[in-house]
Amino acid sequence: MYVPSHFSLSDVTDIHAFLRRHVFATIASEMAQTIAFAYAPIVFDAEPAPLGRVRFHLARANPLAEIADGSRVKLSIMGPHAYVSPDWYETPGLVPTWNYVAVEGSGSVKRLPAAGLRRLLSDLSAQEEAALAPKPPWTMGRVPRDRLESMLGAIVGFELPFDSLEGKAKLSQNRALEDAQGVIGRLEARGDAASMAVAAEMRKLYGQERG
């Protein structure tokens, strides 16, 4: 990832918080002399320290699921992002850009054993069902055993302990404060979810969180 110093998201605690909020990843590795991609929800674990790990699963039929233990894997997660018009700045003569937050990590992947795969799926569903409260959480115990075993046989679980983890928050830090405030106001005026999420990240950066 290209990260100019003024856009660096360098606090590991902040990156970990991002990985808990944004849980759908692009996964990449080299296979058969080409770069293969896959897409999967993740569960983030803070251990092993200091960078932590993610766990994910892929369909067994996915070519990337054939990756061997110890293979190098990169993971990318895109957070909120939005177009920024130069008409929103106080300063004249500037050009359009895009504000966004993203995190990348890499490490040597390990295949999960059967028990680890079950734990991953249980943790993943619990993680997502918690956001649906007060609905009673769905659990794997509601799936008939034969069907569950068949479905488990069709997927492969992995863990990726990070040996590299970096983040980028491009949120108008290279612009004058009045320009950044103009961007926040116009993003909020647009009102769509993506624009509002970027505006919220900018307010947090500039200590202007809404109550």
C-alpha atoms as a PDB file:
ATOM      1  CA  MET A   1       0.000   0.000   0.000  1.00  0.00           C
ATOM      2  CA  TYR A   2       1.242   3.471  -0.870  1.00  0.00           C
ATOM      3  CA  VAL A   3       0.861   5.511   2.326  1.00  0.00           C
ATOM      4  CA  PRO A   4       2.173   9.093   2.483  1.00  0.00           C
ATOM      5  CA  SER A   5       3.048   9.900   6.087  1.00  0.00           C
ATOM      6  CA  HIS A   6       0.176  12.378   6.519  1.00  0.00           C
ATOM      7  CA  PHE A   7      -2.349   9.657   5.580  1.00  0.00           C
ATOM      8  CA  SER A   8      -0.823   6.869   7.686  1.00  0.00           C
ATOM      9  CA  LEU A   9      -3.088   4.999  10.084  1.00  0.00           C
ATOM     10  CA  SER A  10      -0.225   3.846  12.290  1.00  0.00           C
ATOM     11  CA  ASP A  11      -1.834   3.061  15.653  1.00  0.00           C
ATOM     12  CA  VAL A  12      -2.294  -0.720  15.818  1.00  0.00           C
ATOM     13  CA  THR A  13      -5.227  -0.283  18.210  1.00  0.00           C
ATOM     14  CA  ASP A  14      -7.016   1.853  15.615  1.00  0.00           C
ATOM     15  CA  ILE A  15      -6.304  -0.684  12.872  1.00  0.00           C
ATOM     16  CA  HIS A  16      -7.633  -3.500  15.059  1.00  0.00           C
ATOM     17  CA  ALA A  17     -10.811  -1.496  15.707  1.00  0.00           C
ATOM     18  CA  PHE A  18     -11.196  -1.033  11.944  1.00  0.00           C
ATOM     19  CA  LEU A  19     -10.867  -4.807  11.397  1.00  0.00           C
ATOM     20  CA  ARG A  20     -13.634  -5.423  13.923  1.00  0.00           C
ATOM     21  CA  ARG A  21     -15.964  -2.967  12.162  1.00  0.00           C
ATOM     22  CA  HIS A  22     -15.188  -3.901   8.554  1.00  0.00           C
ATOM     23  CA  VAL A  23     -15.286  -7.644   8.171  1.00  0.00           C
ATOM     24  CA  PHE A  24     -15.394  -8.378   4.447  1.00  0.00           C
ATOM     25  CA  ALA A  25     -11.981  -8.864   2.862  1.00  0.00           C
ATOM     26  CA  THR A  26     -10.318  -9.241  -0.494  1.00  0.00           C
ATOM     27  CA  ILE A  27      -7.745 -12.038  -0.227  1.00  0.00           C
ATOM     28  CA  ALA A  28      -4.902 -12.437  -2.709  1.00  0.00           C
ATOM     29  CA  SER A  29      -2.063 -14.878  -3.278  1.00  0.00           C
ATOM     30  CA  GLU A  30       0.102 -16.107  -6.115  1.00  0.00           C
ATOM     31  CA  MET A  31      -0.987 -19.402  -7.629  1.00  0.00           C
ATOM     32  CA  ALA A  32       0.207 -20.997 -10.867  1.00  0.00           C
ATOM     33  CA  GLN A  33       2.199 -17.864 -11.729  1.00  0.00           C
ATOM     34  CA  THR A  34      -0.801 -15.575 -11.490  1.00  0.00           C
ATOM     35  CA  ILE A  35      -2.447 -13.551  -8.721  1.00  0.00           C
ATOM     36  CA  ALA A  36      -5.634 -15.207  -7.474  1.00  0.00           C
ATOM     37  CA  PHE A  37      -8.306 -13.314  -5.535  1.00  0.00           C
ATOM     38  CA  ALA A  38     -11.064 -14.429  -3.209  1.00  0.00           C
ATOM     39  CA  TYR A  39     -13.623 -12.591  -1.070  1.00  0.00           C
ATOM     40  CA  ALA A  40     -14.673 -13.633   2.403  1.00  0.00           C
ATOM     41  CA  PRO A  41     -15.957 -12.417   5.765  1.00  0.00           C
ATOM     42  CA  ILE A  42     -13.350 -12.474   8.514  1.00  0.00           C
ATOM     43  CA  VAL A  43     -13.100 -12.895  12.248  1.00  0.00           C
ATOM     44  CA  PHE A  44     -10.320 -10.798  13.763  1.00  0.00           C
ATOM     45  CA  ASP A  45      -8.361 -11.980  16.824  1.00  0.00           C
ATOM     46  CA  ALA A  46      -5.942  -9.685  18.676  1.00  0.00           C
ATOM     47  CA  GLU A  47      -3.608 -12.616  19.376  1.00  0.00           C
ATOM     48  CA  PRO A  48      -0.896 -13.412  18.504  1.00  0.00           C
ATOM     49  CA  ALA A  49       0.464 -10.033  19.576  1.00  0.00           C
ATOM     50  CA  PRO A  50       1.369  -7.505  18.413  1.00  0.00           C
ATOM     51  CA  LEU A  51      -0.519  -7.578  15.085  1.00  0.00           C
ATOM     52  CA  GLY A  52      -3.105 -10.318  15.598  1.00  0.00           C
ATOM     53  CA  ARG A  53      -4.663 -12.591  12.990  1.00  0.00           C
ATOM     54  CA  VAL A  54      -7.789 -13.127  10.928  1.00  0.00           C
ATOM     55  CA  ARG A  55      -9.708 -16.314  10.262  1.00  0.00           C
ATOM     56  CA  PHE A  56     -11.788 -16.941   7.152  1.00  0.00           C
ATOM     57  CA  HIS A  57     -13.223 -19.723   5.022  1.00  0.00           C
ATOM     58  CA  LEU A  58     -13.534 -20.382   1.298  1.00  0.00           C
ATOM     59  CA  ALA A  59     -15.548 -22.783  -0.805  1.00  0.00           C
ATOM     60  CA  ARG A  60     -13.505 -25.912  -1.388  1.00  0.00           C
ATOM     61  CA  ALA A  61     -14.143 -25.472  -5.130  1.00  0.00           C
ATOM     62  CA  ASN A  62     -12.481 -22.042  -5.056  1.00  0.00           C
ATOM     63  CA  PRO A  63      -9.002 -22.353  -6.625  1.00  0.00           C
ATOM     64  CA  LEU A  64      -7.526 -20.250  -3.824  1.00  0.00           C
ATOM     65  CA  ALA A  65      -8.734 -22.847  -1.306  1.00  0.00           C
ATOM     66  CA  GLU A  66      -5.969 -25.140  -2.564  1.00  0.00           C
ATOM     67  CA  ILE A  67      -3.283 -22.848  -1.175  1.00  0.00           C
ATOM     68  CA  ALA A  68      -0.715 -24.697   0.935  1.00  0.00           C
ATOM     69  CA  ASP A  69       0.247 -24.026   4.537  1.00  0.00           C
ATOM     70  CA  GLY A  70       2.964 -21.414   4.710  1.00  0.00           C
ATOM     71  CA  SER A  71       1.978 -19.671   1.476  1.00  0.00           C
ATOM     72  CA  ARG A  72       2.119 -15.891   1.486  1.00  0.00           C
ATOM     73  CA  VAL A  73      -1.276 -14.204   1.469  1.00  0.00           C
ATOM     74  CA  LYS A  74      -2.275 -10.538   1.354  1.00  0.00           C
ATOM     75  CA  LEU A  75      -5.559  -9.231   2.629  1.00  0.00           C
ATOM     76  CA  SER A  76      -7.197  -5.894   1.825  1.00  0.00           C
ATOM     77  CA  ILE A  77     -10.247  -4.308   3.412  1.00  0.00           C
ATOM     78  CA  MET A  78     -11.804  -1.142   2.061  1.00  0.00           C
ATOM     79  CA  GLY A  79     -13.619   1.011   4.589  1.00  0.00           C
ATOM     80  CA  PRO A  80     -15.803   4.037   3.851  1.00  0.00           C
ATOM     81  CA  HIS A  81     -14.976   5.971   0.691  1.00  0.00           C
ATOM     82  CA  ALA A  82     -16.463   8.865  -1.269  1.00  0.00           C
ATOM     83  CA  TYR A  83     -15.748  11.259  -4.128  1.00  0.00           C
ATOM     84  CA  VAL A  84     -14.653  14.775  -3.166  1.00  0.00           C
ATOM     85  CA  SER A  85     -15.468  17.668  -5.525  1.00  0.00           C
ATOM     86  CA  PRO A  86     -13.048  20.624  -5.633  1.00  0.00           C
ATOM     87  CA  ASP A  87     -16.116  22.877  -5.555  1.00  0.00           C
ATOM     88  CA  TRP A  88     -16.432  21.966  -1.878  1.00  0.00           C
ATOM     89  CA  TYR A  89     -13.118  23.628  -0.965  1.00  0.00           C
ATOM     90  CA  GLU A  90     -12.620  27.236   0.051  1.00  0.00           C
ATOM     91  CA  THR A  91      -9.241  27.173  -1.707  1.00  0.00           C
ATOM     92  CA  PRO A  92      -9.598  27.671  -5.498  1.00  0.00           C
ATOM     93  CA  GLY A  93      -7.737  25.841  -8.238  1.00  0.00           C
ATOM     94  CA  LEU A  94      -7.731  22.345  -6.713  1.00  0.00           C
ATOM     95  CA  VAL A  95      -8.762  19.083  -8.366  1.00  0.00           C
ATOM     96  CA  PRO A  96     -11.164  16.205  -7.592  1.00  0.00           C
ATOM     97  CA  THR A  97     -10.032  13.410  -5.306  1.00  0.00           C
ATOM     98  CA  TRP A  98     -11.348  10.461  -3.324  1.00  0.00           C
ATOM     99  CA  ASN A  99     -11.375  10.171   0.466  1.00  0.00           C
ATOM    100  CA  TYR A 100     -11.210   6.708   2.010  1.00  0.00           C
ATOM    101  CA  VAL A 101      -9.961   4.432   4.760  1.00  0.00           C
ATOM    102  CA  ALA A 102      -8.323   1.079   3.990  1.00  0.00           C
ATOM    103  CA  VAL A 103      -6.227  -1.580   5.713  1.00  0.00           C
ATOM    104  CA  GLU A 104      -3.841  -4.185   4.294  1.00  0.00           C
ATOM    105  CA  GLY A 105      -2.180  -7.108   6.025  1.00  0.00           C
ATOM    106  CA  SER A 106      -0.019 -10.041   5.018  1.00  0.00           C
ATOM    107  CA  GLY A 107       1.411 -13.216   6.474  1.00  0.00           C
ATOM    108  CA  SER A 108       1.829 -16.960   6.023  1.00  0.00           C
ATOM    109  CA  VAL A 109      -1.522 -18.722   5.868  1.00  0.00           C
ATOM    110  CA  LYS A 110      -2.407 -21.863   7.832  1.00  0.00           C
ATOM    111  CA  ARG A 111      -5.236 -24.269   7.108  1.00  0.00           C
ATOM    112  CA  LEU A 112      -7.596 -24.821  10.033  1.00  0.00           C
ATOM    113  CA  PRO A 113      -8.352 -28.340  11.293  1.00  0.00           C
ATOM    114  CA  ALA A 114     -11.958 -29.526  11.441  1.00  0.00           C
ATOM    115  CA  ALA A 115     -12.431 -28.269  15.002  1.00  0.00           C
ATOM    116  CA  GLY A 116     -10.926 -24.907  14.076  1.00  0.00           C
ATOM    117  CA  LEU A 117     -13.288 -24.569  11.126  1.00  0.00           C
ATOM    118  CA  ARG A 118     -16.302 -25.239  13.354  1.00  0.00           C
ATOM    119  CA  ARG A 119     -15.060 -22.665  15.866  1.00  0.00           C
ATOM    120  CA  LEU A 120     -14.565 -20.117  13.075  1.00  0.00           C
ATOM    121  CA  LEU A 121     -18.118 -20.558  11.788  1.00  0.00           C
ATOM    122  CA  SER A 122     -19.549 -20.356  15.302  1.00  0.00           C
ATOM    123  CA  ASP A 123     -17.553 -17.193  16.049  1.00  0.00           C
ATOM    124  CA  LEU A 124     -18.464 -15.622  12.703  1.00  0.00           C
ATOM    125  CA  SER A 125     -22.199 -16.190  13.083  1.00  0.00           C
ATOM    126  CA  ALA A 126     -22.105 -14.985  16.720  1.00  0.00           C
ATOM    127  CA  GLN A 127     -20.218 -11.864  15.640  1.00  0.00           C
ATOM    128  CA  GLU A 128     -22.796 -10.952  13.029  1.00  0.00           C
ATOM    129  CA  GLU A 129     -25.903 -12.114  14.894  1.00  0.00           C
ATOM    130  CA  ALA A 130     -24.947  -9.840  17.820  1.00  0.00           C
ATOM    131  CA  ALA A 131     -25.664  -6.850  15.589  1.00  0.00           C
ATOM    132  CA  LEU A 132     -29.236  -8.088  15.066  1.00  0.00           C
ATOM    133  CA  ALA A 133     -30.261  -8.002  18.735  1.00  0.00           C
ATOM    134  CA  PRO A 134     -32.828  -8.201  20.217  1.00  0.00           C
ATOM    135  CA  LYS A 135     -33.451 -11.008  17.736  1.00  0.00           C
ATOM    136  CA  PRO A 136     -32.473 -14.336  19.341  1.00  0.00           C
ATOM    137  CA  PRO A 137     -29.129 -15.316  17.763  1.00  0.00           C
ATOM    138  CA  TRP A 138     -28.989 -18.033  15.133  1.00  0.00           C
ATOM    139  CA  THR A 139     -26.585 -20.878  15.960  1.00  0.00           C
ATOM    140  CA  MET A 140     -25.258 -23.872  14.044  1.00  0.00           C
ATOM    141  CA  GLY A 141     -27.158 -26.128  16.412  1.00  0.00           C
ATOM    142  CA  ARG A 142     -30.283 -25.343  14.407  1.00  0.00           C
ATOM    143  CA  VAL A 143     -28.891 -27.120  11.308  1.00  0.00           C
ATOM    144  CA  PRO A 144     -29.549 -30.884  11.054  1.00  0.00           C
ATOM    145  CA  ARG A 145     -26.332 -32.797  11.742  1.00  0.00           C
ATOM    146  CA  ASP A 146     -26.150 -34.558   8.370  1.00  0.00           C
ATOM    147  CA  ARG A 147     -26.685 -31.312   6.489  1.00  0.00           C
ATOM    148  CA  LEU A 148     -24.133 -29.481   8.616  1.00  0.00           C
ATOM    149  CA  GLU A 149     -21.489 -32.159   8.025  1.00  0.00           C
ATOM    150  CA  SER A 150     -22.125 -31.995   4.288  1.00  0.00           C
ATOM    151  CA  MET A 151     -21.761 -28.229   4.266  1.00  0.00           C
ATOM    152  CA  LEU A 152     -18.593 -28.335   6.378  1.00  0.00           C
ATOM    153  CA  GLY A 153     -17.097 -30.695   3.824  1.00  0.00           C
ATOM    154  CA  ALA A 154     -17.638 -28.105   1.097  1.00  0.00           C
ATOM    155  CA  ILE A 155     -15.530 -25.361   2.707  1.00  0.00           C
ATOM    156  CA  VAL A 156     -11.964 -24.892   3.948  1.00  0.00           C
ATOM    157  CA  GLY A 157     -10.955 -22.721   6.902  1.00  0.00           C
ATOM    158  CA  PHE A 158      -7.794 -20.645   7.238  1.00  0.00           C
ATOM    159  CA  GLU A 159      -5.990 -18.436   9.708  1.00  0.00           C
ATOM    160  CA  LEU A 160      -3.655 -15.631   8.716  1.00  0.00           C
ATOM    161  CA  PRO A 161      -1.365 -14.370  11.492  1.00  0.00           C
ATOM    162  CA  PHE A 162      -0.164 -10.949  10.399  1.00  0.00           C
ATOM    163  CA  ASP A 163       3.521 -10.165  10.079  1.00  0.00           C
ATOM    164  CA  SER A 164       2.658  -6.902   8.316  1.00  0.00           C
ATOM    165  CA  LEU A 165      -0.353  -4.665   8.966  1.00  0.00           C
ATOM    166  CA  GLU A 166      -0.843  -1.097   7.788  1.00  0.00           C
ATOM    167  CA  GLY A 167      -3.659   1.358   7.335  1.00  0.00           C
ATOM    168  CA  LYS A 168      -4.395   4.463   5.308  1.00  0.00           C
ATOM    169  CA  ALA A 169      -6.902   7.177   6.178  1.00  0.00           C
ATOM    170  CA  LYS A 170      -7.016   9.697   3.334  1.00  0.00           C
ATOM    171  CA  LEU A 171      -9.348  12.282   4.857  1.00  0.00           C
ATOM    172  CA  SER A 172      -8.196  15.696   3.565  1.00  0.00           C
ATOM    173  CA  GLN A 173      -5.323  15.978   6.070  1.00  0.00           C
ATOM    174  CA  ASN A 174      -3.294  17.661   3.296  1.00  0.00           C
ATOM    175  CA  ARG A 175      -5.867  20.444   2.917  1.00  0.00           C
ATOM    176  CA  ALA A 176      -6.555  23.593   4.933  1.00  0.00           C
ATOM    177  CA  LEU A 177      -8.978  23.135   7.832  1.00  0.00           C
ATOM    178  CA  GLU A 178     -11.648  25.246   6.131  1.00  0.00           C
ATOM    179  CA  ASP A 179     -11.359  23.023   3.037  1.00  0.00           C
ATOM    180  CA  ALA A 180     -11.775  19.871   5.130  1.00  0.00           C
ATOM    181  CA  GLN A 181     -14.774  21.386   6.911  1.00  0.00           C
ATOM    182  CA  GLY A 182     -16.305  22.181   3.554  1.00  0.00           C
ATOM    183  CA  VAL A 183     -15.897  18.547   2.509  1.00  0.00           C
ATOM    184  CA  ILE A 184     -17.521  17.316   5.725  1.00  0.00           C
ATOM    185  CA  GLY A 185     -20.510  19.604   5.238  1.00  0.00           C
ATOM    186  CA  ARG A 186     -21.061  18.647   1.603  1.00  0.00           C
ATOM    187  CA  LEU A 187     -20.684  14.920   2.298  1.00  0.00           C
ATOM    188  CA  GLU A 188     -23.287  15.157   5.049  1.00  0.00           C
ATOM    189  CA  ALA A 189     -25.541  17.132   2.728  1.00  0.00           C
ATOM    190  CA  ARG A 190     -25.377  14.300   0.180  1.00  0.00           C
ATOM    191  CA  GLY A 191     -26.775  12.039   2.879  1.00  0.00           C
ATOM    192  CA  ASP A 192     -25.989   8.636   1.354  1.00  0.00           C
ATOM    193  CA  ALA A 193     -24.461   6.000   3.635  1.00  0.00           C
ATOM    194  CA  ALA A 194     -20.984   6.099   2.089  1.00  0.00           C
ATOM    195  CA  SER A 195     -20.719   9.898   2.218  1.00  0.00           C
ATOM    196  CA  MET A 196     -22.007  10.012   5.784  1.00  0.00           C
ATOM    197  CA  ALA A 197     -19.490   7.358   6.852  1.00  0.00           C
ATOM    198  CA  VAL A 198     -16.572   9.304   5.370  1.00  0.00           C
ATOM    199  CA  ALA A 199     -17.825  12.511   6.987  1.00  0.00           C
ATOM    200  CA  ALA A 200     -18.008  10.708  10.345  1.00  0.00           C
ATOM    201  CA  GLU A 201     -14.393   9.535   9.974  1.00  0.00           C
ATOM    202  CA  MET A 202     -13.342  13.083   9.140  1.00  0.00           C
ATOM    203  CA  ARG A 203     -15.197  14.527  12.145  1.00  0.00           C
ATOM    204  CA  LYS A 204     -13.477  11.973  14.384  1.00  0.00           C
ATOM    205  CA  LEU A 205     -10.089  12.906  12.922  1.00  0.00           C
ATOM    206  CA  TYR A 206     -10.672  16.609  13.498  1.00  0.00           C
ATOM    207  CA  GLY A 207     -12.255  16.144  16.940  1.00  0.00           C
ATOM    208  CA  GLN A 208     -15.685  17.270  15.758  1.00  0.00           C
ATOM    209  CA  GLU A 209     -17.765  14.183  16.498  1.00  0.00           C
ATOM    210  CA  ARG A 210     -21.484  14.776  16.592  1.00  0.00           C
ATOM    211  CA  GLY A 211     -23.236  14.030  19.853  1.00  0.00           C
END
